C-alpha atoms as a PDB file:
ATOM      1  CA  UNK A   1       1.154  -2.356  29.155  1.00  0.00           C
ATOM      2  CA  UNK A   2      -0.935  -0.265  31.557  1.00  0.00           C
ATOM      3  CA  UNK A   3      -2.904   2.915  30.770  1.00  0.00           C
ATOM      4  CA  UNK A   4      -0.113   5.206  31.934  1.00  0.00           C
ATOM      5  CA  UNK A   5       2.447   3.615  29.615  1.00  0.00           C
ATOM      6  CA  UNK A   6      -0.001   3.806  26.720  1.00  0.00           C
ATOM      7  CA  UNK A   7      -0.629   7.504  27.322  1.00  0.00           C
ATOM      8  CA  UNK A   8       3.113   8.133  27.401  1.00  0.00           C
ATOM      9  CA  UNK A   9       3.491   6.422  24.020  1.00  0.00           C
ATOM     10  CA  UNK A  10       0.712   8.556  22.536  1.00  0.00           C
ATOM     11  CA  UNK A  11       2.349  11.706  23.924  1.00  0.00           C
ATOM     12  CA  UNK A  12       5.631  10.713  22.291  1.00  0.00           C
ATOM     13  CA  UNK A  13       3.824  10.532  18.953  1.00  0.00           C
ATOM     14  CA  UNK A  14       2.243  13.945  19.579  1.00  0.00           C
ATOM     15  CA  UNK A  15       5.648  15.483  20.334  1.00  0.00           C
ATOM     16  CA  UNK A  16       7.208  13.880  17.281  1.00  0.00           C
ATOM     17  CA  UNK A  17       9.574  11.683  19.306  1.00  0.00           C
ATOM     18  CA  UNK A  18       7.928   8.478  18.084  1.00  0.00           C
ATOM     19  CA  UNK A  19       6.724   7.807  14.554  1.00  0.00           C
ATOM     20  CA  UNK A  20       3.149   6.672  13.952  1.00  0.00           C
ATOM     21  CA  UNK A  21       4.350   3.522  12.212  1.00  0.00           C
ATOM     22  CA  UNK A  22       6.561   2.593  15.157  1.00  0.00           C
ATOM     23  CA  UNK A  23       3.655   3.228  17.549  1.00  0.00           C
ATOM     24  CA  UNK A  24       1.428   0.885  15.563  1.00  0.00           C
ATOM     25  CA  UNK A  25       4.144  -1.775  15.357  1.00  0.00           C
ATOM     26  CA  UNK A  26       4.657  -1.603  19.133  1.00  0.00           C
ATOM     27  CA  UNK A  27       0.979  -2.158  19.904  1.00  0.00           C
ATOM     28  CA  UNK A  28       0.665  -4.898  17.290  1.00  0.00           C
ATOM     29  CA  UNK A  29       3.553  -6.629  19.046  1.00  0.00           C
ATOM     30  CA  UNK A  30       1.524  -6.474  22.257  1.00  0.00           C
ATOM     31  CA  UNK A  31      -1.469  -8.161  20.655  1.00  0.00           C
ATOM     32  CA  UNK A  32      -3.576  -5.289  19.316  1.00  0.00           C
ATOM     33  CA  UNK A  33      -4.575  -5.023  15.680  1.00  0.00           C
ATOM     34  CA  UNK A  34      -3.191  -2.238  13.498  1.00  0.00           C
ATOM     35  CA  UNK A  35      -6.626  -0.604  13.052  1.00  0.00           C
ATOM     36  CA  UNK A  36      -7.139  -0.546  16.831  1.00  0.00           C
ATOM     37  CA  UNK A  37      -3.746   1.097  17.330  1.00  0.00           C
ATOM     38  CA  UNK A  38      -4.596   3.643  14.660  1.00  0.00           C
ATOM     39  CA  UNK A  39      -7.957   4.262  16.293  1.00  0.00           C
ATOM     40  CA  UNK A  40      -6.276   5.047  19.606  1.00  0.00           C
ATOM     41  CA  UNK A  41      -4.228   7.782  17.947  1.00  0.00           C
ATOM     42  CA  UNK A  42      -7.327   9.248  16.349  1.00  0.00           C
ATOM     43  CA  UNK A  43      -9.300   9.144  19.601  1.00  0.00           C
ATOM     44  CA  UNK A  44      -6.471  10.985  21.324  1.00  0.00           C
ATOM     45  CA  UNK A  45      -6.563  13.714  18.689  1.00  0.00           C
ATOM     46  CA  UNK A  46      -3.213  12.889  17.123  1.00  0.00           C
ATOM     47  CA  UNK A  47      -3.063  14.131  13.539  1.00  0.00           C
ATOM     48  CA  UNK A  48      -3.599  11.416  10.986  1.00  0.00           C
ATOM     49  CA  UNK A  49      -2.260  11.166   7.495  1.00  0.00           C
ATOM     50  CA  UNK A  50      -3.619  13.408   4.780  1.00  0.00           C
ATOM     51  CA  UNK A  51      -3.633  12.476   1.139  1.00  0.00           C
ATOM     52  CA  UNK A  52      -0.559  12.944  -0.474  1.00  0.00           C
ATOM     53  CA  UNK A  53       2.819  11.642   0.225  1.00  0.00           C
ATOM     54  CA  UNK A  54       4.257   9.504  -2.535  1.00  0.00           C
ATOM     55  CA  UNK A  55       7.694   8.902  -3.971  1.00  0.00           C
ATOM     56  CA  UNK A  56       6.249   9.388  -7.425  1.00  0.00           C
ATOM     57  CA  UNK A  57       4.280  12.583  -7.989  1.00  0.00           C
ATOM     58  CA  UNK A  58       2.503  12.602 -11.369  1.00  0.00           C
ATOM     59  CA  UNK A  59       2.023  15.939 -13.093  1.00  0.00           C
ATOM     60  CA  UNK A  60      -0.919  14.868 -15.221  1.00  0.00           C
ATOM     61  CA  UNK A  61      -3.571  12.187 -15.395  1.00  0.00           C
ATOM     62  CA  UNK A  62      -2.712   9.185 -17.539  1.00  0.00           C
ATOM     63  CA  UNK A  63       0.216   8.733 -19.844  1.00  0.00           C
ATOM     64  CA  UNK A  64       1.545   5.608 -18.138  1.00  0.00           C
ATOM     65  CA  UNK A  65       0.349   3.168 -20.780  1.00  0.00           C
ATOM     66  CA  UNK A  66      -0.720  -0.350 -19.824  1.00  0.00           C
ATOM     67  CA  UNK A  67      -0.228  -2.063 -16.466  1.00  0.00           C
ATOM     68  CA  UNK A  68      -0.316  -5.863 -16.556  1.00  0.00           C
ATOM     69  CA  UNK A  69      -1.098  -7.652 -13.296  1.00  0.00           C
ATOM     70  CA  UNK A  70      -1.357 -11.290 -12.266  1.00  0.00           C
ATOM     71  CA  UNK A  71      -3.691 -12.700  -9.610  1.00  0.00           C
ATOM     72  CA  UNK A  72      -3.208 -16.450  -9.472  1.00  0.00           C
ATOM     73  CA  UNK A  73      -5.803 -16.659  -6.674  1.00  0.00           C
ATOM     74  CA  UNK A  74      -8.502 -15.628  -9.118  1.00  0.00           C
ATOM     75  CA  UNK A  75     -11.303 -13.205  -8.153  1.00  0.00           C
ATOM     76  CA  UNK A  76     -14.767 -14.380  -9.091  1.00  0.00           C
ATOM     77  CA  UNK A  77     -16.795 -11.260  -8.322  1.00  0.00           C
ATOM     78  CA  UNK A  78     -16.352  -7.497  -8.026  1.00  0.00           C
ATOM     79  CA  UNK A  79     -18.551  -6.474  -5.126  1.00  0.00           C
ATOM     80  CA  UNK A  80     -17.267  -5.049  -1.809  1.00  0.00           C
ATOM     81  CA  UNK A  81     -20.122  -6.495   0.262  1.00  0.00           C
ATOM     82  CA  UNK A  82     -19.878 -10.017  -1.134  1.00  0.00           C
ATOM     83  CA  UNK A  83     -16.101 -10.454  -1.356  1.00  0.00           C
ATOM     84  CA  UNK A  84     -14.827 -13.966  -0.626  1.00  0.00           C
ATOM     85  CA  UNK A  85     -11.477 -13.002   0.785  1.00  0.00           C
ATOM     86  CA  UNK A  86      -8.502 -10.901  -0.251  1.00  0.00           C
ATOM     87  CA  UNK A  87      -8.722 -11.776  -3.941  1.00  0.00           C
ATOM     88  CA  UNK A  88     -12.187 -10.281  -4.465  1.00  0.00           C
ATOM     89  CA  UNK A  89     -11.634  -7.285  -2.192  1.00  0.00           C
ATOM     90  CA  UNK A  90      -8.345  -6.423  -3.917  1.00  0.00           C
ATOM     91  CA  UNK A  91      -9.833  -6.644  -7.399  1.00  0.00           C
ATOM     92  CA  UNK A  92     -12.855  -4.514  -6.507  1.00  0.00           C
ATOM     93  CA  UNK A  93     -10.593  -1.686  -5.289  1.00  0.00           C
ATOM     94  CA  UNK A  94      -9.911  -0.716  -8.882  1.00  0.00           C
ATOM     95  CA  UNK A  95     -13.506   0.481  -9.041  1.00  0.00           C
ATOM     96  CA  UNK A  96     -14.871   1.009  -5.530  1.00  0.00           C
ATOM     97  CA  UNK A  97     -13.517   3.245  -2.749  1.00  0.00           C
ATOM     98  CA  UNK A  98     -14.095   3.659   1.019  1.00  0.00           C
ATOM     99  CA  UNK A  99     -14.329   6.876   3.020  1.00  0.00           C
ATOM    100  CA  UNK A 100     -10.786   6.314   4.300  1.00  0.00           C
ATOM    101  CA  UNK A 101      -8.017   3.752   3.987  1.00  0.00           C
ATOM    102  CA  UNK A 102      -4.858   2.750   5.810  1.00  0.00           C
ATOM    103  CA  UNK A 103      -1.824   4.918   5.051  1.00  0.00           C
ATOM    104  CA  UNK A 104       1.756   3.573   4.872  1.00  0.00           C
ATOM    105  CA  UNK A 105       2.532   4.926   8.348  1.00  0.00           C
ATOM    106  CA  UNK A 106      -0.286   2.950   9.970  1.00  0.00           C
ATOM    107  CA  UNK A 107      -2.800   5.788  10.287  1.00  0.00           C
ATOM    108  CA  UNK A 108      -5.766   6.575   8.060  1.00  0.00           C
ATOM    109  CA  UNK A 109      -5.851   8.767   4.964  1.00  0.00           C
ATOM    110  CA  UNK A 110      -9.092  10.163   3.522  1.00  0.00           C
ATOM    111  CA  UNK A 111     -10.352   8.771   0.228  1.00  0.00           C
ATOM    112  CA  UNK A 112     -13.987   9.780  -0.245  1.00  0.00           C
ATOM    113  CA  UNK A 113     -13.958  11.653   3.050  1.00  0.00           C
ATOM    114  CA  UNK A 114     -12.814  15.263   3.076  1.00  0.00           C
ATOM    115  CA  UNK A 115     -10.840  14.699   6.279  1.00  0.00           C
ATOM    116  CA  UNK A 116     -10.211  12.088   8.949  1.00  0.00           C
ATOM    117  CA  UNK A 117     -12.488  12.489  12.001  1.00  0.00           C
ATOM    118  CA  UNK A 118     -10.658  13.585  15.162  1.00  0.00           C
ATOM    119  CA  UNK A 119     -11.552  15.103  18.509  1.00  0.00           C
ATOM    120  CA  UNK A 120     -10.088  18.418  17.383  1.00  0.00           C
ATOM    121  CA  UNK A 121     -12.237  18.761  14.265  1.00  0.00           C
ATOM    122  CA  UNK A 122     -15.368  17.533  16.032  1.00  0.00           C
ATOM    123  CA  UNK A 123     -15.508  14.260  14.158  1.00  0.00           C
ATOM    124  CA  UNK A 124     -15.133  11.992  17.207  1.00  0.00           C
ATOM    125  CA  UNK A 125     -17.486  12.240  20.167  1.00  0.00           C
ATOM    126  CA  UNK A 126     -16.029  12.248  23.656  1.00  0.00           C
ATOM    127  CA  UNK A 127     -18.087   9.219  24.671  1.00  0.00           C
ATOM    128  CA  UNK A 128     -16.660   7.150  21.796  1.00  0.00           C
ATOM    129  CA  UNK A 129     -20.097   6.299  20.496  1.00  0.00           C
ATOM    130  CA  UNK A 130     -20.359   8.396  17.331  1.00  0.00           C
ATOM    131  CA  UNK A 131     -18.234   9.487  14.368  1.00  0.00           C
ATOM    132  CA  UNK A 132     -19.020  12.349  12.008  1.00  0.00           C
ATOM    133  CA  UNK A 133     -17.742  12.035   8.456  1.00  0.00           C
ATOM    134  CA  UNK A 134     -17.518  15.019   6.126  1.00  0.00           C
ATOM    135  CA  UNK A 135     -17.525  13.858   2.524  1.00  0.00           C
ATOM    136  CA  UNK A 136     -15.700  15.220  -0.491  1.00  0.00           C
ATOM    137  CA  UNK A 137     -17.848  17.303  -2.794  1.00  0.00           C
ATOM    138  CA  UNK A 138     -17.859  17.097  -6.574  1.00  0.00           C
ATOM    139  CA  UNK A 139     -17.207  13.333  -6.544  1.00  0.00           C
ATOM    140  CA  UNK A 140     -19.204  11.413  -9.126  1.00  0.00           C
ATOM    141  CA  UNK A 141     -19.908   7.767  -9.790  1.00  0.00           C
ATOM    142  CA  UNK A 142     -18.713   6.242 -13.048  1.00  0.00           C
ATOM    143  CA  UNK A 143     -22.122   6.933 -14.623  1.00  0.00           C
ATOM    144  CA  UNK A 144     -21.951  10.636 -13.725  1.00  0.00           C
ATOM    145  CA  UNK A 145     -24.327  10.602 -10.741  1.00  0.00           C
ATOM    146  CA  UNK A 146     -23.139  12.568  -7.660  1.00  0.00           C
ATOM    147  CA  UNK A 147     -21.739  10.805  -4.587  1.00  0.00           C
ATOM    148  CA  UNK A 148     -23.652  11.954  -1.474  1.00  0.00           C
ATOM    149  CA  UNK A 149     -24.505  11.085   2.107  1.00  0.00           C
ATOM    150  CA  UNK A 150     -27.410   8.962   0.853  1.00  0.00           C
ATOM    151  CA  UNK A 151     -24.916   6.520  -0.662  1.00  0.00           C
ATOM    152  CA  UNK A 152     -23.092   6.102   2.658  1.00  0.00           C
ATOM    153  CA  UNK A 153     -26.328   5.437   4.532  1.00  0.00           C
ATOM    154  CA  UNK A 154     -27.431   2.940   1.887  1.00  0.00           C
ATOM    155  CA  UNK A 155     -24.242   0.882   2.291  1.00  0.00           C
ATOM    156  CA  UNK A 156     -24.940   0.402   6.003  1.00  0.00           C
ATOM    157  CA  UNK A 157     -28.543  -0.563   5.263  1.00  0.00           C
ATOM    158  CA  UNK A 158     -27.456  -2.939   2.501  1.00  0.00           C
ATOM    159  CA  UNK A 159     -24.817  -4.631   4.661  1.00  0.00           C
ATOM    160  CA  UNK A 160     -27.080  -5.365   7.649  1.00  0.00           C
ATOM    161  CA  UNK A 161     -30.117  -6.521   5.668  1.00  0.00           C
ATOM    162  CA  UNK A 162     -30.334 -10.312   6.292  1.00  0.00           C
ATOM    163  CA  UNK A 163     -31.957 -10.784   2.894  1.00  0.00           C
ATOM    164  CA  UNK A 164     -28.745  -9.650   1.181  1.00  0.00           C
ATOM    165  CA  UNK A 165     -26.534 -12.160   3.057  1.00  0.00           C
ATOM    166  CA  UNK A 166     -23.460  -9.918   2.831  1.00  0.00           C
ATOM    167  CA  UNK A 167     -19.972 -10.882   3.971  1.00  0.00           C
ATOM    168  CA  UNK A 168     -19.492  -7.372   5.425  1.00  0.00           C
ATOM    169  CA  UNK A 169     -22.375  -7.590   7.877  1.00  0.00           C
ATOM    170  CA  UNK A 170     -20.367  -8.250  11.050  1.00  0.00           C
ATOM    171  CA  UNK A 171     -18.788  -4.801  11.347  1.00  0.00           C
ATOM    172  CA  UNK A 172     -21.911  -2.926  10.320  1.00  0.00           C
ATOM    173  CA  UNK A 173     -23.991  -4.698  12.955  1.00  0.00           C
ATOM    174  CA  UNK A 174     -22.198  -2.595  15.577  1.00  0.00           C
ATOM    175  CA  UNK A 175     -23.900   0.508  14.130  1.00  0.00           C
ATOM    176  CA  UNK A 176     -27.208   1.668  15.635  1.00  0.00           C
ATOM    177  CA  UNK A 177     -27.940   4.201  12.906  1.00  0.00           C
ATOM    178  CA  UNK A 178     -26.355   6.518  10.337  1.00  0.00           C
ATOM    179  CA  UNK A 179     -27.761  10.054  10.377  1.00  0.00           C
ATOM    180  CA  UNK A 180     -27.695  12.411   7.412  1.00  0.00           C
ATOM    181  CA  UNK A 181     -26.645  15.843   8.708  1.00  0.00           C
ATOM    182  CA  UNK A 182     -26.531  17.387   5.235  1.00  0.00           C
ATOM    183  CA  UNK A 183     -25.910  16.262   1.655  1.00  0.00           C
ATOM    184  CA  UNK A 184     -22.224  15.602   2.373  1.00  0.00           C
ATOM    185  CA  UNK A 185     -22.076  14.883   6.112  1.00  0.00           C
ATOM    186  CA  UNK A 186     -23.073  11.716   7.978  1.00  0.00           C
ATOM    187  CA  UNK A 187     -22.987  10.763  11.639  1.00  0.00           C
ATOM    188  CA  UNK A 188     -22.359   7.109  12.470  1.00  0.00           C
ATOM    189  CA  UNK A 189     -23.834   6.207  15.861  1.00  0.00           C
ATOM    190  CA  UNK A 190     -22.695   2.924  17.402  1.00  0.00           C
ATOM    191  CA  UNK A 191     -24.756   0.754  19.729  1.00  0.00           C
ATOM    192  CA  UNK A 192     -22.114   1.180  22.421  1.00  0.00           C
ATOM    193  CA  UNK A 193     -18.824   3.086  22.842  1.00  0.00           C
ATOM    194  CA  UNK A 194     -16.199   1.882  20.388  1.00  0.00           C
ATOM    195  CA  UNK A 195     -12.478   1.964  21.275  1.00  0.00           C
ATOM    196  CA  UNK A 196     -11.846   1.534  17.543  1.00  0.00           C
ATOM    197  CA  UNK A 197     -14.057   4.179  15.957  1.00  0.00           C
ATOM    198  CA  UNK A 198     -13.331   3.233  12.332  1.00  0.00           C
ATOM    199  CA  UNK A 199     -15.192  -0.076  12.396  1.00  0.00           C
ATOM    200  CA  UNK A 200     -16.995   0.669   9.131  1.00  0.00           C
ATOM    201  CA  UNK A 201     -16.441   2.648   5.924  1.00  0.00           C
ATOM    202  CA  UNK A 202     -12.634   2.413   6.163  1.00  0.00           C
ATOM    203  CA  UNK A 203     -11.760  -0.678   4.186  1.00  0.00           C
ATOM    204  CA  UNK A 204     -14.209  -2.024   1.662  1.00  0.00           C
ATOM    205  CA  UNK A 205     -15.570   0.237  -1.062  1.00  0.00           C
ATOM    206  CA  UNK A 206     -18.984   1.875  -1.222  1.00  0.00           C
ATOM    207  CA  UNK A 207     -21.808   1.055  -3.614  1.00  0.00           C
ATOM    208  CA  UNK A 208     -23.977   3.645  -5.400  1.00  0.00           C
ATOM    209  CA  UNK A 209     -27.474   3.721  -3.984  1.00  0.00           C
ATOM    210  CA  UNK A 210     -29.158   4.561  -7.284  1.00  0.00           C
ATOM    211  CA  UNK A 211     -27.712   1.429  -8.924  1.00  0.00           C
ATOM    212  CA  UNK A 212     -27.943  -1.187  -6.175  1.00  0.00           C
ATOM    213  CA  UNK A 213     -31.092  -0.272  -4.253  1.00  0.00           C
ATOM    214  CA  UNK A 214     -33.309  -1.975  -6.867  1.00  0.00           C
ATOM    215  CA  UNK A 215     -31.062  -5.060  -6.730  1.00  0.00           C
ATOM    216  CA  UNK A 216     -31.131  -5.742  -2.992  1.00  0.00           C
ATOM    217  CA  UNK A 217     -32.827  -8.725  -1.428  1.00  0.00           C
ATOM    218  CA  UNK A 218     -32.792 -12.434  -2.134  1.00  0.00           C
ATOM    219  CA  UNK A 219     -31.489 -11.968  -5.671  1.00  0.00           C
ATOM    220  CA  UNK A 220     -28.695  -9.550  -4.782  1.00  0.00           C
ATOM    221  CA  UNK A 221     -25.896 -12.056  -5.380  1.00  0.00           C
ATOM    222  CA  UNK A 222     -27.175 -12.905  -8.830  1.00  0.00           C
ATOM    223  CA  UNK A 223     -27.771  -9.279  -9.815  1.00  0.00           C
ATOM    224  CA  UNK A 224     -26.052  -8.044 -12.949  1.00  0.00           C
ATOM    225  CA  UNK A 225     -24.381  -5.321 -10.897  1.00  0.00           C
ATOM    226  CA  UNK A 226     -22.218  -7.992  -9.293  1.00  0.00           C
ATOM    227  CA  UNK A 227     -19.980  -8.076 -12.348  1.00  0.00           C
ATOM    228  CA  UNK A 228     -20.502  -4.547 -13.689  1.00  0.00           C
ATOM    229  CA  UNK A 229     -19.086  -2.169 -11.093  1.00  0.00           C
ATOM    230  CA  UNK A 230     -20.221   1.448 -10.981  1.00  0.00           C
ATOM    231  CA  UNK A 231     -17.916   3.059  -8.458  1.00  0.00           C
ATOM    232  CA  UNK A 232     -15.950   6.233  -7.785  1.00  0.00           C
ATOM    233  CA  UNK A 233     -12.541   4.606  -8.258  1.00  0.00           C
ATOM    234  CA  UNK A 234      -9.701   5.476 -10.625  1.00  0.00           C
ATOM    235  CA  UNK A 235     -10.722   2.909 -13.248  1.00  0.00           C
ATOM    236  CA  UNK A 236     -13.868   1.895 -15.112  1.00  0.00           C
ATOM    237  CA  UNK A 237     -14.645  -1.678 -16.034  1.00  0.00           C
ATOM    238  CA  UNK A 238     -14.194  -2.709 -19.675  1.00  0.00           C
ATOM    239  CA  UNK A 239     -14.415  -6.488 -19.368  1.00  0.00           C
ATOM    240  CA  UNK A 240     -14.718  -9.051 -16.596  1.00  0.00           C
ATOM    241  CA  UNK A 241     -14.506 -12.806 -17.026  1.00  0.00           C
ATOM    242  CA  UNK A 242     -14.821 -14.270 -13.513  1.00  0.00           C
ATOM    243  CA  UNK A 243     -11.765 -16.304 -12.608  1.00  0.00           C
ATOM    244  CA  UNK A 244     -10.002 -15.351 -15.844  1.00  0.00           C
ATOM    245  CA  UNK A 245      -9.639 -11.690 -16.813  1.00  0.00           C
ATOM    246  CA  UNK A 246     -10.296  -8.097 -15.736  1.00  0.00           C
ATOM    247  CA  UNK A 247      -9.742  -5.191 -18.107  1.00  0.00           C
ATOM    248  CA  UNK A 248     -10.197  -1.585 -17.021  1.00  0.00           C
ATOM    249  CA  UNK A 249      -9.665   1.876 -18.481  1.00  0.00           C
ATOM    250  CA  UNK A 250      -8.828   5.185 -16.849  1.00  0.00           C
ATOM    251  CA  UNK A 251     -11.607   7.185 -15.190  1.00  0.00           C
ATOM    252  CA  UNK A 252     -11.173  10.595 -16.813  1.00  0.00           C
ATOM    253  CA  UNK A 253     -13.383  12.183 -14.163  1.00  0.00           C
ATOM    254  CA  UNK A 254     -11.519  10.810 -11.145  1.00  0.00           C
ATOM    255  CA  UNK A 255     -11.724  13.088  -8.116  1.00  0.00           C
ATOM    256  CA  UNK A 256      -7.973  13.110  -7.311  1.00  0.00           C
ATOM    257  CA  UNK A 257      -5.922  15.517  -9.421  1.00  0.00           C
ATOM    258  CA  UNK A 258      -3.345  13.981 -11.780  1.00  0.00           C
ATOM    259  CA  UNK A 259      -4.401  10.429 -10.876  1.00  0.00           C
ATOM    260  CA  UNK A 260      -4.311   7.671 -11.951  1.00  0.00           C
ATOM    261  CA  UNK A 261      -1.078   7.289 -13.909  1.00  0.00           C
ATOM    262  CA  UNK A 262      -1.741   4.161 -15.974  1.00  0.00           C
ATOM    263  CA  UNK A 263      -4.169   4.417 -18.881  1.00  0.00           C
ATOM    264  CA  UNK A 264      -5.315   0.810 -18.866  1.00  0.00           C
ATOM    265  CA  UNK A 265      -5.072  -2.136 -16.493  1.00  0.00           C
ATOM    266  CA  UNK A 266      -5.249  -5.813 -17.345  1.00  0.00           C
ATOM    267  CA  UNK A 267      -5.508  -8.370 -14.560  1.00  0.00           C
ATOM    268  CA  UNK A 268      -4.908 -11.946 -15.674  1.00  0.00           C
ATOM    269  CA  UNK A 269      -6.361 -14.454 -13.221  1.00  0.00           C
ATOM    270  CA  UNK A 270      -5.743 -18.098 -12.446  1.00  0.00           C
ATOM    271  CA  UNK A 271      -2.736 -20.357 -12.798  1.00  0.00           C
ATOM    272  CA  UNK A 272      -0.553 -20.967  -9.769  1.00  0.00           C
ATOM    273  CA  UNK A 273       1.752 -18.968  -7.523  1.00  0.00           C
ATOM    274  CA  UNK A 274       4.979 -20.350  -8.992  1.00  0.00           C
ATOM    275  CA  UNK A 275       3.888 -19.565 -12.543  1.00  0.00           C
ATOM    276  CA  UNK A 276       2.909 -16.021 -11.577  1.00  0.00           C
ATOM    277  CA  UNK A 277       6.298 -15.531  -9.945  1.00  0.00           C
ATOM    278  CA  UNK A 278       8.178 -16.616 -13.059  1.00  0.00           C
ATOM    279  CA  UNK A 279       5.994 -14.483 -15.359  1.00  0.00           C
ATOM    280  CA  UNK A 280       7.070 -11.351 -13.475  1.00  0.00           C
ATOM    281  CA  UNK A 281      10.600 -12.041 -12.263  1.00  0.00           C
ATOM    282  CA  UNK A 282      11.929 -14.288 -15.003  1.00  0.00           C
ATOM    283  CA  UNK A 283      10.203 -13.543 -18.306  1.00  0.00           C
ATOM    284  CA  UNK A 284       8.813 -10.066 -17.647  1.00  0.00           C
ATOM    285  CA  UNK A 285       5.493 -10.888 -19.319  1.00  0.00           C
ATOM    286  CA  UNK A 286       3.664  -9.118 -16.501  1.00  0.00           C
ATOM    287  CA  UNK A 287       4.493  -6.118 -14.324  1.00  0.00           C
ATOM    288  CA  UNK A 288       3.304  -7.298 -10.918  1.00  0.00           C
ATOM    289  CA  UNK A 289       1.951 -10.433  -9.244  1.00  0.00           C
ATOM    290  CA  UNK A 290      -0.232 -10.357  -6.147  1.00  0.00           C
ATOM    291  CA  UNK A 291       0.214 -12.524  -3.091  1.00  0.00           C
ATOM    292  CA  UNK A 292       2.823 -15.009  -4.266  1.00  0.00           C
ATOM    293  CA  UNK A 293       3.176 -17.984  -1.932  1.00  0.00           C
ATOM    294  CA  UNK A 294       6.710 -19.034  -2.806  1.00  0.00           C
ATOM    295  CA  UNK A 295       9.574 -19.694  -0.390  1.00  0.00           C
ATOM    296  CA  UNK A 296      11.960 -16.760  -0.086  1.00  0.00           C
ATOM    297  CA  UNK A 297      14.912 -18.885  -1.183  1.00  0.00           C
ATOM    298  CA  UNK A 298      13.100 -19.801  -4.397  1.00  0.00           C
ATOM    299  CA  UNK A 299      12.045 -16.189  -4.946  1.00  0.00           C
ATOM    300  CA  UNK A 300      15.604 -14.921  -4.687  1.00  0.00           C
ATOM    301  CA  UNK A 301      16.878 -17.635  -7.006  1.00  0.00           C
ATOM    302  CA  UNK A 302      14.331 -16.750  -9.692  1.00  0.00           C
ATOM    303  CA  UNK A 303      15.072 -13.061  -9.197  1.00  0.00           C
ATOM    304  CA  UNK A 304      18.769 -13.474  -9.970  1.00  0.00           C
ATOM    305  CA  UNK A 305      19.374 -12.781 -13.620  1.00  0.00           C
ATOM    306  CA  UNK A 306      15.689 -12.162 -14.234  1.00  0.00           C
ATOM    307  CA  UNK A 307      13.800  -9.113 -15.450  1.00  0.00           C
ATOM    308  CA  UNK A 308      11.969  -8.263 -12.237  1.00  0.00           C
ATOM    309  CA  UNK A 309      12.619  -7.811  -8.545  1.00  0.00           C
ATOM    310  CA  UNK A 310      11.007  -8.888  -5.299  1.00  0.00           C
ATOM    311  CA  UNK A 311       9.201  -6.166  -3.371  1.00  0.00           C
ATOM    312  CA  UNK A 312       8.500  -6.980   0.290  1.00  0.00           C
ATOM    313  CA  UNK A 313       6.354  -4.627   2.362  1.00  0.00           C
ATOM    314  CA  UNK A 314       5.939  -5.181   6.136  1.00  0.00           C
ATOM    315  CA  UNK A 315       2.316  -5.610   7.144  1.00  0.00           C
ATOM    316  CA  UNK A 316       0.475  -6.324  10.413  1.00  0.00           C
ATOM    317  CA  UNK A 317      -2.115  -8.327   8.496  1.00  0.00           C
ATOM    318  CA  UNK A 318      -2.523 -12.021   9.244  1.00  0.00           C
ATOM    319  CA  UNK A 319      -3.553 -14.339   6.440  1.00  0.00           C
ATOM    320  CA  UNK A 320      -4.306 -17.430   8.537  1.00  0.00           C
ATOM    321  CA  UNK A 321      -3.719 -18.758  12.048  1.00  0.00           C
ATOM    322  CA  UNK A 322      -4.606 -22.278  13.143  1.00  0.00           C
ATOM    323  CA  UNK A 323      -4.457 -22.894  16.876  1.00  0.00           C
ATOM    324  CA  UNK A 324      -3.513 -26.333  18.153  1.00  0.00           C
ATOM    325  CA  UNK A 325      -6.347 -27.196  20.533  1.00  0.00           C
ATOM    326  CA  UNK A 326      -5.244 -30.718  21.330  1.00  0.00           C
ATOM    327  CA  UNK A 327      -4.368 -31.752  24.873  1.00  0.00           C
ATOM    328  CA  UNK A 328      -0.542 -31.643  25.172  1.00  0.00           C
ATOM    329  CA  UNK A 329      -0.638 -34.120  28.072  1.00  0.00           C
ATOM    330  CA  UNK A 330      -2.550 -36.854  26.261  1.00  0.00           C
ATOM    331  CA  UNK A 331      -0.456 -39.647  24.778  1.00  0.00           C
ATOM    332  CA  UNK A 332      -1.099 -40.762  21.198  1.00  0.00           C
ATOM    333  CA  UNK A 333       0.509 -44.047  20.205  1.00  0.00           C
ATOM    334  CA  UNK A 334       2.693 -43.775  23.272  1.00  0.00           C
ATOM    335  CA  UNK A 335       3.949 -40.247  22.422  1.00  0.00           C
ATOM    336  CA  UNK A 336       3.107 -36.910  24.026  1.00  0.00           C
ATOM    337  CA  UNK A 337       3.434 -33.363  22.689  1.00  0.00           C
ATOM    338  CA  UNK A 338       7.036 -32.172  22.715  1.00  0.00           C
ATOM    339  CA  UNK A 339       8.835 -29.030  21.449  1.00  0.00           C
ATOM    340  CA  UNK A 340      11.603 -31.268  20.085  1.00  0.00           C
END
């Protein structure tokens, strides 16, 4: 696809002739990542998602009782900068939040940000080298301290500090500096123009500066804060047994009106994928199981006559790709590579 064809696609989205999700799917099919496709829309000034659209609209906070979840691939820590894959990142999202996150239509929706940066609102520079984030006001951490621009800056500093040995360092290394424009506005300046402006602050959650600044350095991974999250998220930690159990209760001071719905969450960890599948679909002991690696035929068979149902959501995410780097023309035991 050349530049002209790409511009025509973006114009179709602007005119409403092409949905944002379809735009993202098209570019993913051509080899781009979903975040890059989303970033192109934002750079072009196309409106991104705003908080809000949901099939279920709660009228008050809480009242949903208990939610019982299964994660057979057990999380061992609750820290957005030290996550060891999807299991840890997913579990930490109960407590920690980013500035923005992916919306169902493939664009971004604000979380701790007041709005998504665009050219029109002055959030994206024309040279593609800086992004200005305006933060929500009146957001507090679980301990009551205010969330401010200082917390955002600290997360960049924490991620790139070699002494902390974070798993999030790669993306943050593209940032030259983060400027504090006021108490609730930051400007992220990249080392060079970025075609995908949302490299940082749009996936993993943010840490509170006042809690984690004293814990940085060589002992950061062993710090007590690793297993006692203090975030801005919809739930507060009650109990965490690494690899076994997470219990959380509703955050009564959550910054989104009428959210969350469930009063308590229990995440049971460990076991295996097949057992987790049966506990949801067959026996109904649990309400939802994450990331089940079971063949579709087996899933459907367990689903029939059971108490649960299979929910499949299309995603551009890739769990694992292994490229065959062997020489197809070399013979091994008299045989060469063949598609048959």
